[in-house]
Amino acid sequence: MNIMKIIDPRLMIVVAFLYAAGMFLKAMPWFNQEWAIPAILWVLGISIVFVYLAFVLAEPLSAATAVLAVIHGTFAAALAVFGNQLIKQWDNKNSE
């Protein structure tokens, strides 16, 4: 399966941003609810994708755009969290 068929390649920057946002939240000493990071990234991903679709890609503000934002925002957040877990597991495997 090709990941570029699931997530629009123009939205891969959102995945990178969400990954960085998750790492930023995790590094903050005042933020101790790490369990909430995936949910925060999910909501942030949907919001960013909606704004990106509507204003950068000039999609009309419609229900279809909102549905696309939910789908692509969910995939972007999931890919960011999955990428983080892959890196953590790879580091754990190599440190043994």
C-alpha atoms as a PDB file:
ATOM      1  CA  MET A   1       0.000   0.000   0.000  1.00  0.00           C
ATOM      2  CA  ASN A   2       1.296   3.421  -0.953  1.00  0.00           C
ATOM      3  CA  ILE A   3       0.889   6.025   1.806  1.00  0.00           C
ATOM      4  CA  MET A   4       0.693   8.794  -0.814  1.00  0.00           C
ATOM      5  CA  LYS A   5      -2.622   7.347  -2.015  1.00  0.00           C
ATOM      6  CA  ILE A   6      -4.076   7.718   1.479  1.00  0.00           C
ATOM      7  CA  ILE A   7      -2.755  11.172   2.378  1.00  0.00           C
ATOM      8  CA  ASP A   8      -2.544  13.928  -0.211  1.00  0.00           C
ATOM      9  CA  PRO A   9       1.183  14.621  -0.709  1.00  0.00           C
ATOM     10  CA  ARG A  10       0.495  18.354  -0.315  1.00  0.00           C
ATOM     11  CA  LEU A  11      -0.613  17.601   3.254  1.00  0.00           C
ATOM     12  CA  MET A  12       2.548  15.762   4.331  1.00  0.00           C
ATOM     13  CA  ILE A  13       3.802  19.037   5.809  1.00  0.00           C
ATOM     14  CA  VAL A  14       0.939  18.707   8.307  1.00  0.00           C
ATOM     15  CA  VAL A  15       2.310  15.305   9.383  1.00  0.00           C
ATOM     16  CA  ALA A  16       5.727  16.852  10.005  1.00  0.00           C
ATOM     17  CA  PHE A  17       4.162  19.746  11.926  1.00  0.00           C
ATOM     18  CA  LEU A  18       2.070  17.393  14.072  1.00  0.00           C
ATOM     19  CA  TYR A  19       5.118  15.251  14.841  1.00  0.00           C
ATOM     20  CA  ALA A  20       7.025  18.367  15.929  1.00  0.00           C
ATOM     21  CA  ALA A  21       4.050  19.601  17.971  1.00  0.00           C
ATOM     22  CA  GLY A  22       3.856  16.270  19.779  1.00  0.00           C
ATOM     23  CA  MET A  23       7.561  16.348  20.565  1.00  0.00           C
ATOM     24  CA  PHE A  24       7.198  19.941  21.780  1.00  0.00           C
ATOM     25  CA  LEU A  25       4.332  19.006  24.108  1.00  0.00           C
ATOM     26  CA  LYS A  26       6.262  16.036  25.441  1.00  0.00           C
ATOM     27  CA  ALA A  27       9.307  18.219  26.174  1.00  0.00           C
ATOM     28  CA  MET A  28       7.345  20.817  28.134  1.00  0.00           C
ATOM     29  CA  PRO A  29       7.908  20.335  31.885  1.00  0.00           C
ATOM     30  CA  TRP A  30       4.444  21.707  32.758  1.00  0.00           C
ATOM     31  CA  PHE A  31       2.681  19.243  30.434  1.00  0.00           C
ATOM     32  CA  ASN A  32       2.393  15.882  32.187  1.00  0.00           C
ATOM     33  CA  GLN A  33      -0.625  14.371  30.422  1.00  0.00           C
ATOM     34  CA  GLU A  34       1.267  12.449  27.739  1.00  0.00           C
ATOM     35  CA  TRP A  35      -1.774  10.233  27.252  1.00  0.00           C
ATOM     36  CA  ALA A  36      -3.583  13.275  25.779  1.00  0.00           C
ATOM     37  CA  ILE A  37      -1.022  14.005  23.064  1.00  0.00           C
ATOM     38  CA  PRO A  38      -2.690  11.807  20.385  1.00  0.00           C
ATOM     39  CA  ALA A  39      -6.072  13.456  21.013  1.00  0.00           C
ATOM     40  CA  ILE A  40      -4.534  16.935  20.895  1.00  0.00           C
ATOM     41  CA  LEU A  41      -2.726  16.089  17.661  1.00  0.00           C
ATOM     42  CA  TRP A  42      -5.943  14.667  16.210  1.00  0.00           C
ATOM     43  CA  VAL A  43      -7.945  17.856  16.855  1.00  0.00           C
ATOM     44  CA  LEU A  44      -5.030  20.025  15.731  1.00  0.00           C
ATOM     45  CA  GLY A  45      -4.597  17.925  12.577  1.00  0.00           C
ATOM     46  CA  ILE A  46      -8.251  18.231  11.590  1.00  0.00           C
ATOM     47  CA  SER A  47      -8.196  21.984  12.213  1.00  0.00           C
ATOM     48  CA  ILE A  48      -4.992  22.582  10.254  1.00  0.00           C
ATOM     49  CA  VAL A  49      -6.101  20.421   7.328  1.00  0.00           C
ATOM     50  CA  PHE A  50      -9.449  22.222   7.169  1.00  0.00           C
ATOM     51  CA  VAL A  51      -7.755  25.629   7.069  1.00  0.00           C
ATOM     52  CA  TYR A  52      -5.210  24.363   4.530  1.00  0.00           C
ATOM     53  CA  LEU A  53      -7.880  22.886   2.264  1.00  0.00           C
ATOM     54  CA  ALA A  54     -10.139  25.921   2.479  1.00  0.00           C
ATOM     55  CA  PHE A  55      -7.648  28.747   2.205  1.00  0.00           C
ATOM     56  CA  VAL A  56      -4.445  27.422   0.632  1.00  0.00           C
ATOM     57  CA  LEU A  57      -5.900  24.904  -1.815  1.00  0.00           C
ATOM     58  CA  ALA A  58      -9.025  27.063  -2.350  1.00  0.00           C
ATOM     59  CA  GLU A  59     -11.516  24.284  -1.705  1.00  0.00           C
ATOM     60  CA  PRO A  60     -15.022  25.627  -1.165  1.00  0.00           C
ATOM     61  CA  LEU A  61     -16.265  25.822   2.415  1.00  0.00           C
ATOM     62  CA  SER A  62     -18.671  22.905   2.321  1.00  0.00           C
ATOM     63  CA  ALA A  63     -19.570  19.713   4.108  1.00  0.00           C
ATOM     64  CA  ALA A  64     -17.341  17.805   1.673  1.00  0.00           C
ATOM     65  CA  THR A  65     -14.358  19.936   2.678  1.00  0.00           C
ATOM     66  CA  ALA A  66     -15.118  19.323   6.345  1.00  0.00           C
ATOM     67  CA  VAL A  67     -15.317  15.560   5.749  1.00  0.00           C
ATOM     68  CA  LEU A  68     -12.027  15.636   3.827  1.00  0.00           C
ATOM     69  CA  ALA A  69     -10.459  17.602   6.698  1.00  0.00           C
ATOM     70  CA  VAL A  70     -11.604  14.988   9.224  1.00  0.00           C
ATOM     71  CA  ILE A  71     -10.319  12.121   7.086  1.00  0.00           C
ATOM     72  CA  HIS A  72      -6.970  13.658   6.153  1.00  0.00           C
ATOM     73  CA  GLY A  73      -6.476  15.232   9.590  1.00  0.00           C
ATOM     74  CA  THR A  74      -7.076  11.862  11.227  1.00  0.00           C
ATOM     75  CA  PHE A  75      -4.619  10.141   8.905  1.00  0.00           C
ATOM     76  CA  ALA A  76      -2.032  12.894   9.416  1.00  0.00           C
ATOM     77  CA  ALA A  77      -2.274  12.676  13.211  1.00  0.00           C
ATOM     78  CA  ALA A  78      -2.178   8.875  13.101  1.00  0.00           C
ATOM     79  CA  LEU A  79       0.905   8.912  10.892  1.00  0.00           C
ATOM     80  CA  ALA A  80       2.658  11.397  13.202  1.00  0.00           C
ATOM     81  CA  VAL A  81       1.908   9.270  16.295  1.00  0.00           C
ATOM     82  CA  PHE A  82       2.812   6.054  14.463  1.00  0.00           C
ATOM     83  CA  GLY A  83       6.092   7.582  13.274  1.00  0.00           C
ATOM     84  CA  ASN A  84       6.937   8.596  16.820  1.00  0.00           C
ATOM     85  CA  GLN A  85       6.218   5.082  18.094  1.00  0.00           C
ATOM     86  CA  LEU A  86       8.355   3.540  15.347  1.00  0.00           C
ATOM     87  CA  ILE A  87      11.282   5.736  16.315  1.00  0.00           C
ATOM     88  CA  LYS A  88      10.839   4.904  20.014  1.00  0.00           C
ATOM     89  CA  GLN A  89      10.630   1.167  19.328  1.00  0.00           C
ATOM     90  CA  TRP A  90      13.665   1.299  17.019  1.00  0.00           C
ATOM     91  CA  ASP A  91      15.667   3.117  19.716  1.00  0.00           C
ATOM     92  CA  ASN A  92      14.558   0.586  22.363  1.00  0.00           C
ATOM     93  CA  LYS A  93      15.494  -2.342  20.116  1.00  0.00           C
ATOM     94  CA  ASN A  94      18.945  -0.905  19.355  1.00  0.00           C
ATOM     95  CA  SER A  95      19.698  -0.071  22.987  1.00  0.00           C
ATOM     96  CA  GLU A  96      19.192  -3.662  24.165  1.00  0.00           C
END
